[in-house]
Amino acid sequence: MSGTPRYTPYDKGRFQLTLGIKTIDPAEWIEVDGHYPAQMAEKRRLLAERPGEVFDALPESLAAQAECLETLLAHLGHHRPGLVEGDDATLEIPGTGDRFDRAAFADRPLDLAGRLVQEDLCLMAPSGDSWRLIAASLCFPSRWRLADKLGRPMAAIHAPVPGFNERLARPVDRFFDRVEPGQLFMRLNWSVIDDPSLFQPTGHGRSGHDESITADNAGDVVWLRIERQTFVRLPGTGVLVFGIKTVVDPLSVLAGRPALAAALRGTLTDMPDDMRRYKSMAPFADALAAWLDRAAG
């Protein structure tokens, strides 16, 4: 959690279903914050208790997995010195005490890569005129299951998202085609939820009304979930690394920030009904609106 929202993709005050992609400095690929120890501990727990749900890969992805790990290690060594230390045999995270035998991950190097950073790491490979998911370390999904998406192309992966295939499927494929090695791109995805858990494989399309969430307590029991999504092309295999850094803040982070509260209120009002249903906002929609109205002054 954070006292100040770092990312506010709703600040325009209107709903936008757009790519919203921008170029950023390649040095900013991996983001490390104060939640690093806690999030790495949560990854460690999930990988021990639910390994098949949070890591999976197609056999054909092995070369790209290995290239992703080496690319990540080179990046961390240059831009995040001290975060991960080691050699060809062993890697260690001094801040958490985690220690990894690299040989144990020879058949799943992306699994090792995912244990080093807060980001989830998904590998997308060109497939005909689209791109498909060939491997992922996905500990913090925002209401989707890796088992449902592995091996599938972009259109199938995003089929449940209202308006995506009609408006964004082809632009996304074309964008992936144009990413060159050495470039870094970023976009933000966001939602308002009533569960702060990082691991959320289900939860879309909920309806009904949750009477326990009110205008008085919404600031503490409703959450802003932001995904900082990054895109990097691996030069050897040509596979694209889709990184997802998840940030969860209580709605109360907007208390004392009336302009942002008003912007979020306007964005939610402007959001199409089918998107609001998809994001499962019905159980707390009235309480959320009332809290934001108060916070907006």
C-alpha atoms as a PDB file:
ATOM      1  CA  MET A   1       0.000   0.000   0.000  1.00  0.00           C
ATOM      2  CA  SER A   2       1.099   3.581  -0.444  1.00  0.00           C
ATOM      3  CA  GLY A   3       0.254   6.970   1.017  1.00  0.00           C
ATOM      4  CA  THR A   4       0.516   8.707  -2.337  1.00  0.00           C
ATOM      5  CA  PRO A   5      -0.794   7.219  -5.590  1.00  0.00           C
ATOM      6  CA  ARG A   6       2.105   7.001  -8.019  1.00  0.00           C
ATOM      7  CA  TYR A   7      -0.065   6.172 -11.024  1.00  0.00           C
ATOM      8  CA  THR A   8      -3.456   7.744 -11.717  1.00  0.00           C
ATOM      9  CA  PRO A   9      -4.669   6.514 -15.134  1.00  0.00           C
ATOM     10  CA  TYR A  10      -8.211   7.738 -14.344  1.00  0.00           C
ATOM     11  CA  ASP A  11      -7.160  11.378 -13.920  1.00  0.00           C
ATOM     12  CA  LYS A  12      -8.711  12.550 -17.210  1.00  0.00           C
ATOM     13  CA  GLY A  13     -12.170  12.184 -15.668  1.00  0.00           C
ATOM     14  CA  ARG A  14     -13.566  10.136 -18.532  1.00  0.00           C
ATOM     15  CA  PHE A  15     -13.445   6.472 -19.496  1.00  0.00           C
ATOM     16  CA  GLN A  16     -11.089   5.552 -22.324  1.00  0.00           C
ATOM     17  CA  LEU A  17     -10.645   2.111 -23.895  1.00  0.00           C
ATOM     18  CA  THR A  18      -7.324   2.840 -25.569  1.00  0.00           C
ATOM     19  CA  LEU A  19      -3.849   1.370 -25.714  1.00  0.00           C
ATOM     20  CA  GLY A  20      -2.347   4.423 -24.012  1.00  0.00           C
ATOM     21  CA  ILE A  21       1.165   3.195 -24.737  1.00  0.00           C
ATOM     22  CA  LYS A  22       4.175   5.451 -24.258  1.00  0.00           C
ATOM     23  CA  THR A  23       7.913   5.061 -24.711  1.00  0.00           C
ATOM     24  CA  ILE A  24      10.028   5.154 -21.555  1.00  0.00           C
ATOM     25  CA  ASP A  25      13.726   4.836 -20.808  1.00  0.00           C
ATOM     26  CA  PRO A  26      14.893   1.190 -21.001  1.00  0.00           C
ATOM     27  CA  ALA A  27      16.503   1.715 -17.593  1.00  0.00           C
ATOM     28  CA  GLU A  28      12.964   1.861 -16.147  1.00  0.00           C
ATOM     29  CA  TRP A  29      11.971  -1.664 -17.231  1.00  0.00           C
ATOM     30  CA  ILE A  30      11.966  -3.161 -13.731  1.00  0.00           C
ATOM     31  CA  GLU A  31      10.439  -1.168 -10.880  1.00  0.00           C
ATOM     32  CA  VAL A  32      11.443  -1.885  -7.285  1.00  0.00           C
ATOM     33  CA  ASP A  33       9.566  -0.327  -4.362  1.00  0.00           C
ATOM     34  CA  GLY A  34       9.110  -0.749  -0.639  1.00  0.00           C
ATOM     35  CA  HIS A  35       6.733  -3.673  -1.131  1.00  0.00           C
ATOM     36  CA  TYR A  36       9.456  -5.799  -2.699  1.00  0.00           C
ATOM     37  CA  PRO A  37      10.070  -8.090   0.351  1.00  0.00           C
ATOM     38  CA  ALA A  38       6.356  -8.686   0.960  1.00  0.00           C
ATOM     39  CA  GLN A  39       5.545  -9.318  -2.691  1.00  0.00           C
ATOM     40  CA  MET A  40       8.473 -11.698  -3.120  1.00  0.00           C
ATOM     41  CA  ALA A  41       7.310 -13.585  -0.026  1.00  0.00           C
ATOM     42  CA  GLU A  42       3.829 -13.842  -1.551  1.00  0.00           C
ATOM     43  CA  LYS A  43       5.294 -15.126  -4.812  1.00  0.00           C
ATOM     44  CA  ARG A  44       7.303 -17.682  -2.855  1.00  0.00           C
ATOM     45  CA  ARG A  45       4.141 -18.864  -1.067  1.00  0.00           C
ATOM     46  CA  LEU A  46       2.087 -19.138  -4.254  1.00  0.00           C
ATOM     47  CA  LEU A  47       4.820 -20.970  -6.143  1.00  0.00           C
ATOM     48  CA  ALA A  48       5.044 -23.480  -3.286  1.00  0.00           C
ATOM     49  CA  GLU A  49       1.313 -23.950  -2.721  1.00  0.00           C
ATOM     50  CA  ARG A  50      -0.188 -23.437  -6.213  1.00  0.00           C
ATOM     51  CA  PRO A  51       2.693 -23.960  -8.664  1.00  0.00           C
ATOM     52  CA  GLY A  52       0.585 -25.088 -11.618  1.00  0.00           C
ATOM     53  CA  GLU A  53      -1.627 -22.019 -11.372  1.00  0.00           C
ATOM     54  CA  VAL A  54       1.116 -19.400 -11.313  1.00  0.00           C
ATOM     55  CA  PHE A  55       3.716 -20.805 -13.684  1.00  0.00           C
ATOM     56  CA  ASP A  56       3.306 -22.673 -16.943  1.00  0.00           C
ATOM     57  CA  ALA A  57       5.034 -22.814 -20.294  1.00  0.00           C
ATOM     58  CA  LEU A  58       4.861 -24.508 -23.671  1.00  0.00           C
ATOM     59  CA  PRO A  59       7.888 -26.695 -24.516  1.00  0.00           C
ATOM     60  CA  GLU A  60       8.685 -24.465 -27.489  1.00  0.00           C
ATOM     61  CA  SER A  61       9.268 -21.506 -25.151  1.00  0.00           C
ATOM     62  CA  LEU A  62      12.464 -22.770 -23.501  1.00  0.00           C
ATOM     63  CA  ALA A  63      14.898 -20.694 -25.579  1.00  0.00           C
ATOM     64  CA  ALA A  64      12.865 -17.534 -25.010  1.00  0.00           C
ATOM     65  CA  GLN A  65      12.627 -18.276 -21.285  1.00  0.00           C
ATOM     66  CA  ALA A  66      16.401 -18.579 -21.068  1.00  0.00           C
ATOM     67  CA  GLU A  67      16.912 -15.373 -23.033  1.00  0.00           C
ATOM     68  CA  CYS A  68      14.434 -13.546 -20.797  1.00  0.00           C
ATOM     69  CA  LEU A  69      16.303 -14.637 -17.663  1.00  0.00           C
ATOM     70  CA  GLU A  70      19.692 -13.560 -19.021  1.00  0.00           C
ATOM     71  CA  THR A  71      18.265 -10.252 -20.264  1.00  0.00           C
ATOM     72  CA  LEU A  72      16.693  -9.620 -16.872  1.00  0.00           C
ATOM     73  CA  LEU A  73      19.898 -10.428 -14.987  1.00  0.00           C
ATOM     74  CA  ALA A  74      21.919  -8.116 -17.217  1.00  0.00           C
ATOM     75  CA  HIS A  75      19.369  -5.341 -16.683  1.00  0.00           C
ATOM     76  CA  LEU A  76      19.330  -5.775 -12.905  1.00  0.00           C
ATOM     77  CA  GLY A  77      23.111  -5.886 -12.715  1.00  0.00           C
ATOM     78  CA  HIS A  78      23.360  -2.588 -14.569  1.00  0.00           C
ATOM     79  CA  HIS A  79      20.323  -0.668 -13.300  1.00  0.00           C
ATOM     80  CA  ARG A  80      19.492  -2.307  -9.925  1.00  0.00           C
ATOM     81  CA  PRO A  81      22.917  -3.281  -8.581  1.00  0.00           C
ATOM     82  CA  GLY A  82      22.773  -5.304  -5.400  1.00  0.00           C
ATOM     83  CA  LEU A  83      19.183  -6.477  -5.832  1.00  0.00           C
ATOM     84  CA  VAL A  84      20.309  -9.878  -7.122  1.00  0.00           C
ATOM     85  CA  GLU A  85      23.808 -11.293  -6.726  1.00  0.00           C
ATOM     86  CA  GLY A  86      25.400 -14.505  -7.915  1.00  0.00           C
ATOM     87  CA  ASP A  87      27.126 -16.339 -10.697  1.00  0.00           C
ATOM     88  CA  ASP A  88      26.450 -19.057 -13.266  1.00  0.00           C
ATOM     89  CA  ALA A  89      25.643 -21.560 -10.509  1.00  0.00           C
ATOM     90  CA  THR A  90      23.736 -19.633  -7.844  1.00  0.00           C
ATOM     91  CA  LEU A  91      21.624 -16.507  -7.490  1.00  0.00           C
ATOM     92  CA  GLU A  92      20.852 -14.768  -4.223  1.00  0.00           C
ATOM     93  CA  ILE A  93      18.576 -11.897  -3.191  1.00  0.00           C
ATOM     94  CA  PRO A  94      20.364 -10.226  -0.259  1.00  0.00           C
ATOM     95  CA  GLY A  95      17.275  -8.298   0.820  1.00  0.00           C
ATOM     96  CA  THR A  96      15.142 -11.420   1.322  1.00  0.00           C
ATOM     97  CA  GLY A  97      17.687 -14.173   1.874  1.00  0.00           C
ATOM     98  CA  ASP A  98      16.364 -16.176  -1.063  1.00  0.00           C
ATOM     99  CA  ARG A  99      18.978 -18.353  -2.729  1.00  0.00           C
ATOM    100  CA  PHE A 100      18.492 -20.267  -5.972  1.00  0.00           C
ATOM    101  CA  ASP A 101      20.415 -23.086  -7.618  1.00  0.00           C
ATOM    102  CA  ARG A 102      20.297 -22.151 -11.296  1.00  0.00           C
ATOM    103  CA  ALA A 103      20.600 -25.767 -12.409  1.00  0.00           C
ATOM    104  CA  ALA A 104      17.302 -26.555 -10.660  1.00  0.00           C
ATOM    105  CA  PHE A 105      15.558 -24.170 -13.074  1.00  0.00           C
ATOM    106  CA  ALA A 106      17.212 -25.404 -16.274  1.00  0.00           C
ATOM    107  CA  ASP A 107      13.873 -26.587 -17.667  1.00  0.00           C
ATOM    108  CA  ARG A 108      11.954 -23.460 -16.536  1.00  0.00           C
ATOM    109  CA  PRO A 109      14.240 -20.407 -16.457  1.00  0.00           C
ATOM    110  CA  LEU A 110      11.271 -18.034 -16.608  1.00  0.00           C
ATOM    111  CA  ASP A 111      10.153 -19.426 -13.241  1.00  0.00           C
ATOM    112  CA  LEU A 112      13.492 -18.306 -11.799  1.00  0.00           C
ATOM    113  CA  ALA A 113      13.207 -14.893 -13.484  1.00  0.00           C
ATOM    114  CA  GLY A 114       9.800 -14.351 -11.901  1.00  0.00           C
ATOM    115  CA  ARG A 115      11.213 -15.067  -8.433  1.00  0.00           C
ATOM    116  CA  LEU A 116      13.640 -12.137  -8.720  1.00  0.00           C
ATOM    117  CA  VAL A 117      11.306  -9.204  -9.435  1.00  0.00           C
ATOM    118  CA  GLN A 118       7.890  -7.920  -8.427  1.00  0.00           C
ATOM    119  CA  GLU A 119       6.705  -8.012 -12.021  1.00  0.00           C
ATOM    120  CA  ASP A 120       4.832 -10.955 -13.460  1.00  0.00           C
ATOM    121  CA  LEU A 121       6.478 -11.966 -16.741  1.00  0.00           C
ATOM    122  CA  CYS A 122       4.545 -13.243 -19.754  1.00  0.00           C
ATOM    123  CA  LEU A 123       6.159 -14.300 -23.032  1.00  0.00           C
ATOM    124  CA  MET A 124       4.312 -13.535 -26.271  1.00  0.00           C
ATOM    125  CA  ALA A 125       5.479 -15.098 -29.538  1.00  0.00           C
ATOM    126  CA  PRO A 126       4.462 -14.196 -33.110  1.00  0.00           C
ATOM    127  CA  SER A 127       1.921 -16.619 -34.539  1.00  0.00           C
ATOM    128  CA  GLY A 128       0.582 -15.950 -38.024  1.00  0.00           C
ATOM    129  CA  ASP A 129      -0.866 -12.453 -38.040  1.00  0.00           C
ATOM    130  CA  SER A 130      -1.172 -12.341 -34.248  1.00  0.00           C
ATOM    131  CA  TRP A 131       0.778 -13.138 -31.075  1.00  0.00           C
ATOM    132  CA  ARG A 132       0.163 -15.907 -28.557  1.00  0.00           C
ATOM    133  CA  LEU A 133       1.094 -16.568 -24.944  1.00  0.00           C
ATOM    134  CA  ILE A 134       3.788 -19.259 -24.734  1.00  0.00           C
ATOM    135  CA  ALA A 135       4.958 -18.977 -21.104  1.00  0.00           C
ATOM    136  CA  ALA A 136       4.213 -17.001 -17.957  1.00  0.00           C
ATOM    137  CA  SER A 137       5.209 -16.499 -14.361  1.00  0.00           C
ATOM    138  CA  LEU A 138       1.877 -15.064 -13.221  1.00  0.00           C
ATOM    139  CA  CYS A 139       1.537 -14.841  -9.452  1.00  0.00           C
ATOM    140  CA  PHE A 140      -0.638 -11.735  -9.379  1.00  0.00           C
ATOM    141  CA  PRO A 141      -3.336 -12.139 -12.058  1.00  0.00           C
ATOM    142  CA  SER A 142      -6.114  -9.573 -12.197  1.00  0.00           C
ATOM    143  CA  ARG A 143      -9.011 -11.983 -12.487  1.00  0.00           C
ATOM    144  CA  TRP A 144      -7.766 -14.318 -15.189  1.00  0.00           C
ATOM    145  CA  ARG A 145      -6.350 -17.802 -15.105  1.00  0.00           C
ATOM    146  CA  LEU A 146      -3.143 -18.779 -16.835  1.00  0.00           C
ATOM    147  CA  ALA A 147      -4.552 -22.219 -17.664  1.00  0.00           C
ATOM    148  CA  ASP A 148      -7.304 -20.543 -19.720  1.00  0.00           C
ATOM    149  CA  LYS A 149      -4.885 -18.381 -21.750  1.00  0.00           C
ATOM    150  CA  LEU A 150      -1.668 -20.348 -22.363  1.00  0.00           C
ATOM    151  CA  GLY A 151      -1.113 -21.073 -26.043  1.00  0.00           C
ATOM    152  CA  ARG A 152      -3.929 -18.781 -27.151  1.00  0.00           C
ATOM    153  CA  PRO A 153      -3.694 -15.694 -29.401  1.00  0.00           C
ATOM    154  CA  MET A 154      -4.441 -12.141 -28.327  1.00  0.00           C
ATOM    155  CA  ALA A 155      -8.048 -12.133 -29.527  1.00  0.00           C
ATOM    156  CA  ALA A 156      -8.889 -15.274 -27.562  1.00  0.00           C
ATOM    157  CA  ILE A 157      -7.055 -14.064 -24.462  1.00  0.00           C
ATOM    158  CA  HIS A 158      -9.017 -10.799 -24.398  1.00  0.00           C
ATOM    159  CA  ALA A 159     -12.365 -12.127 -25.650  1.00  0.00           C
ATOM    160  CA  PRO A 160     -14.120 -11.490 -22.280  1.00  0.00           C
ATOM    161  CA  VAL A 161     -13.089  -7.797 -22.231  1.00  0.00           C
ATOM    162  CA  PRO A 162     -15.967  -5.674 -23.583  1.00  0.00           C
ATOM    163  CA  GLY A 163     -14.949  -3.857 -26.772  1.00  0.00           C
ATOM    164  CA  PHE A 164     -11.367  -5.155 -26.865  1.00  0.00           C
ATOM    165  CA  ASN A 165     -11.558  -7.316 -29.971  1.00  0.00           C
ATOM    166  CA  GLU A 166     -13.642  -4.764 -31.850  1.00  0.00           C
ATOM    167  CA  ARG A 167     -11.411  -1.783 -31.069  1.00  0.00           C
ATOM    168  CA  LEU A 168      -7.999  -2.898 -29.849  1.00  0.00           C
ATOM    169  CA  ALA A 169      -7.119  -6.418 -31.046  1.00  0.00           C
ATOM    170  CA  ARG A 170      -5.590  -5.376 -34.366  1.00  0.00           C
ATOM    171  CA  PRO A 171      -3.856  -2.253 -32.977  1.00  0.00           C
ATOM    172  CA  VAL A 172      -2.259  -4.412 -30.259  1.00  0.00           C
ATOM    173  CA  ASP A 173      -1.007  -6.948 -32.810  1.00  0.00           C
ATOM    174  CA  ARG A 174       0.403  -4.162 -34.975  1.00  0.00           C
ATOM    175  CA  PHE A 175       2.066  -2.553 -31.961  1.00  0.00           C
ATOM    176  CA  PHE A 176       3.722  -5.849 -31.000  1.00  0.00           C
ATOM    177  CA  ASP A 177       4.964  -6.211 -34.575  1.00  0.00           C
ATOM    178  CA  ARG A 178       6.685  -2.808 -34.393  1.00  0.00           C
ATOM    179  CA  VAL A 179       8.491  -3.181 -31.049  1.00  0.00           C
ATOM    180  CA  GLU A 180      12.240  -3.292 -31.668  1.00  0.00           C
ATOM    181  CA  PRO A 181      14.936  -4.695 -29.359  1.00  0.00           C
ATOM    182  CA  GLY A 182      16.310  -1.958 -27.119  1.00  0.00           C
ATOM    183  CA  GLN A 183      12.982  -0.131 -26.874  1.00  0.00           C
ATOM    184  CA  LEU A 184      10.765  -0.083 -23.793  1.00  0.00           C
ATOM    185  CA  PHE A 185       7.073   0.723 -23.793  1.00  0.00           C
ATOM    186  CA  MET A 186       4.627   1.097 -20.919  1.00  0.00           C
ATOM    187  CA  ARG A 187       0.897   1.404 -20.374  1.00  0.00           C
ATOM    188  CA  LEU A 188      -1.379   1.386 -17.330  1.00  0.00           C
ATOM    189  CA  ASN A 189      -4.400  -0.763 -16.648  1.00  0.00           C
ATOM    190  CA  TRP A 190      -6.638  -0.190 -13.641  1.00  0.00           C
ATOM    191  CA  SER A 191      -9.718  -1.251 -11.751  1.00  0.00           C
ATOM    192  CA  VAL A 192     -11.558  -0.576  -8.484  1.00  0.00           C
ATOM    193  CA  ILE A 193     -12.066  -3.718  -6.418  1.00  0.00           C
ATOM    194  CA  ASP A 194     -13.248  -4.897  -2.999  1.00  0.00           C
ATOM    195  CA  ASP A 195     -10.394  -7.357  -2.421  1.00  0.00           C
ATOM    196  CA  PRO A 196      -6.751  -6.308  -1.936  1.00  0.00           C
ATOM    197  CA  SER A 197      -5.347  -9.788  -2.652  1.00  0.00           C
ATOM    198  CA  LEU A 198      -2.618  -9.820  -5.281  1.00  0.00           C
ATOM    199  CA  PHE A 199      -3.540 -13.314  -6.490  1.00  0.00           C
ATOM    200  CA  GLN A 200      -6.997 -13.001  -8.060  1.00  0.00           C
ATOM    201  CA  PRO A 201      -7.595 -15.634 -10.758  1.00  0.00           C
ATOM    202  CA  THR A 202     -11.381 -15.144 -10.738  1.00  0.00           C
ATOM    203  CA  GLY A 203     -13.947 -12.488  -9.925  1.00  0.00           C
ATOM    204  CA  HIS A 204     -15.213 -10.898 -13.136  1.00  0.00           C
ATOM    205  CA  GLY A 205     -18.929 -10.314 -13.665  1.00  0.00           C
ATOM    206  CA  ARG A 206     -20.055 -10.304 -10.038  1.00  0.00           C
ATOM    207  CA  SER A 207     -23.440  -8.718  -9.329  1.00  0.00           C
ATOM    208  CA  GLY A 208     -25.664  -8.238  -6.313  1.00  0.00           C
ATOM    209  CA  HIS A 209     -25.107  -5.784  -3.497  1.00  0.00           C
ATOM    210  CA  ASP A 210     -22.654  -5.924  -0.598  1.00  0.00           C
ATOM    211  CA  GLU A 211     -24.328  -4.141   2.316  1.00  0.00           C
ATOM    212  CA  SER A 212     -21.135  -4.279   4.376  1.00  0.00           C
ATOM    213  CA  ILE A 213     -19.533  -1.646   2.130  1.00  0.00           C
ATOM    214  CA  THR A 214     -20.867   1.829   2.828  1.00  0.00           C
ATOM    215  CA  ALA A 215     -20.069   5.438   2.032  1.00  0.00           C
ATOM    216  CA  ASP A 216     -18.454   5.653   5.476  1.00  0.00           C
ATOM    217  CA  ASN A 217     -16.053   2.724   5.173  1.00  0.00           C
ATOM    218  CA  ALA A 218     -15.463   2.480   1.408  1.00  0.00           C
ATOM    219  CA  GLY A 219     -12.148   4.301   1.733  1.00  0.00           C
ATOM    220  CA  ASP A 220     -10.785   1.407   3.796  1.00  0.00           C
ATOM    221  CA  VAL A 221     -12.443  -1.625   2.163  1.00  0.00           C
ATOM    222  CA  VAL A 222     -12.404  -0.655  -1.526  1.00  0.00           C
ATOM    223  CA  TRP A 223      -9.115  -0.668  -3.418  1.00  0.00           C
ATOM    224  CA  LEU A 224      -7.463   0.867  -6.456  1.00  0.00           C
ATOM    225  CA  ARG A 225      -5.563  -1.775  -8.405  1.00  0.00           C
ATOM    226  CA  ILE A 226      -3.103  -0.479 -10.983  1.00  0.00           C
ATOM    227  CA  GLU A 227      -1.088  -2.573 -13.420  1.00  0.00           C
ATOM    228  CA  ARG A 228       2.092  -1.034 -14.794  1.00  0.00           C
ATOM    229  CA  GLN A 229       2.478  -3.021 -18.003  1.00  0.00           C
ATOM    230  CA  THR A 230       5.766  -3.055 -19.920  1.00  0.00           C
ATOM    231  CA  PHE A 231       6.792  -4.410 -23.316  1.00  0.00           C
ATOM    232  CA  VAL A 232      10.327  -5.488 -24.255  1.00  0.00           C
ATOM    233  CA  ARG A 233      11.450  -7.426 -27.346  1.00  0.00           C
ATOM    234  CA  LEU A 234      14.098 -10.125 -26.915  1.00  0.00           C
ATOM    235  CA  PRO A 235      16.611  -9.747 -29.771  1.00  0.00           C
ATOM    236  CA  GLY A 236      17.569 -13.410 -30.109  1.00  0.00           C
ATOM    237  CA  THR A 237      14.220 -15.181 -30.195  1.00  0.00           C
ATOM    238  CA  GLY A 238      12.092 -12.190 -31.182  1.00  0.00           C
ATOM    239  CA  VAL A 239       9.688 -12.987 -28.353  1.00  0.00           C
ATOM    240  CA  LEU A 240       8.040 -10.090 -26.526  1.00  0.00           C
ATOM    241  CA  VAL A 241       8.229  -9.894 -22.716  1.00  0.00           C
ATOM    242  CA  PHE A 242       5.001  -8.515 -21.278  1.00  0.00           C
ATOM    243  CA  GLY A 243       5.694  -7.389 -17.707  1.00  0.00           C
ATOM    244  CA  ILE A 244       2.979  -6.634 -15.156  1.00  0.00           C
ATOM    245  CA  LYS A 245       3.825  -4.751 -11.962  1.00  0.00           C
ATOM    246  CA  THR A 246       0.777  -4.639  -9.666  1.00  0.00           C
ATOM    247  CA  VAL A 247       0.153  -1.783  -7.228  1.00  0.00           C
ATOM    248  CA  VAL A 248      -2.762  -1.936  -4.776  1.00  0.00           C
ATOM    249  CA  ASP A 249      -3.796   1.097  -2.713  1.00  0.00           C
ATOM    250  CA  PRO A 250      -6.828   1.674  -0.478  1.00  0.00           C
ATOM    251  CA  LEU A 251      -9.366   4.081  -1.918  1.00  0.00           C
ATOM    252  CA  SER A 252      -8.502   6.347   1.015  1.00  0.00           C
ATOM    253  CA  VAL A 253      -5.285   7.273  -0.813  1.00  0.00           C
ATOM    254  CA  LEU A 254      -7.534   9.813  -2.570  1.00  0.00           C
ATOM    255  CA  ALA A 255      -8.658  11.430   0.685  1.00  0.00           C
ATOM    256  CA  GLY A 256      -7.412  15.011   0.655  1.00  0.00           C
ATOM    257  CA  ARG A 257      -7.030  14.875  -3.124  1.00  0.00           C
ATOM    258  CA  PRO A 258     -10.368  16.251  -4.339  1.00  0.00           C
ATOM    259  CA  ALA A 259      -9.293  16.663  -7.974  1.00  0.00           C
ATOM    260  CA  LEU A 260      -8.312  12.992  -8.272  1.00  0.00           C
ATOM    261  CA  ALA A 261     -11.454  11.861  -6.428  1.00  0.00           C
ATOM    262  CA  ALA A 262     -13.583  13.910  -8.824  1.00  0.00           C
ATOM    263  CA  ALA A 263     -11.688  12.516 -11.800  1.00  0.00           C
ATOM    264  CA  LEU A 264     -12.244   8.932 -10.704  1.00  0.00           C
ATOM    265  CA  ARG A 265     -15.913   9.669 -10.050  1.00  0.00           C
ATOM    266  CA  GLY A 266     -16.255  11.104 -13.547  1.00  0.00           C
ATOM    267  CA  THR A 267     -14.437   8.168 -15.132  1.00  0.00           C
ATOM    268  CA  LEU A 268     -16.674   5.644 -13.387  1.00  0.00           C
ATOM    269  CA  THR A 269     -19.792   7.572 -14.392  1.00  0.00           C
ATOM    270  CA  ASP A 270     -18.564   7.609 -17.991  1.00  0.00           C
ATOM    271  CA  MET A 271     -17.740   3.890 -18.012  1.00  0.00           C
ATOM    272  CA  PRO A 272     -20.079   1.761 -20.198  1.00  0.00           C
ATOM    273  CA  ASP A 273     -22.417  -0.557 -18.328  1.00  0.00           C
ATOM    274  CA  ASP A 274     -20.913  -3.708 -19.824  1.00  0.00           C
ATOM    275  CA  MET A 275     -17.432  -2.690 -18.662  1.00  0.00           C
ATOM    276  CA  ARG A 276     -18.732  -1.879 -15.188  1.00  0.00           C
ATOM    277  CA  ARG A 277     -20.330  -5.347 -15.038  1.00  0.00           C
ATOM    278  CA  TYR A 278     -17.133  -6.972 -16.295  1.00  0.00           C
ATOM    279  CA  LYS A 279     -15.140  -5.220 -13.564  1.00  0.00           C
ATOM    280  CA  SER A 280     -17.595  -6.437 -10.877  1.00  0.00           C
ATOM    281  CA  MET A 281     -18.313  -3.004  -9.434  1.00  0.00           C
ATOM    282  CA  ALA A 282     -22.036  -3.586  -8.807  1.00  0.00           C
ATOM    283  CA  PRO A 283     -21.658  -4.859  -5.206  1.00  0.00           C
ATOM    284  CA  PHE A 284     -20.200  -1.550  -4.018  1.00  0.00           C
ATOM    285  CA  ALA A 285     -21.022   0.950  -6.797  1.00  0.00           C
ATOM    286  CA  ASP A 286     -23.318   3.177  -4.726  1.00  0.00           C
ATOM    287  CA  ALA A 287     -20.977   3.303  -1.733  1.00  0.00           C
ATOM    288  CA  LEU A 288     -18.036   4.046  -3.987  1.00  0.00           C
ATOM    289  CA  ALA A 289     -19.857   6.894  -5.725  1.00  0.00           C
ATOM    290  CA  ALA A 290     -20.958   8.411  -2.418  1.00  0.00           C
ATOM    291  CA  TRP A 291     -17.446   8.224  -0.934  1.00  0.00           C
ATOM    292  CA  LEU A 292     -15.924   9.826  -4.014  1.00  0.00           C
ATOM    293  CA  ASP A 293     -18.540  12.592  -3.989  1.00  0.00           C
ATOM    294  CA  ARG A 294     -17.568  13.423  -0.409  1.00  0.00           C
ATOM    295  CA  ALA A 295     -13.847  13.270  -1.172  1.00  0.00           C
ATOM    296  CA  ALA A 296     -14.310  15.503  -4.218  1.00  0.00           C
ATOM    297  CA  GLY A 297     -15.908  18.128  -2.017  1.00  0.00           C
END
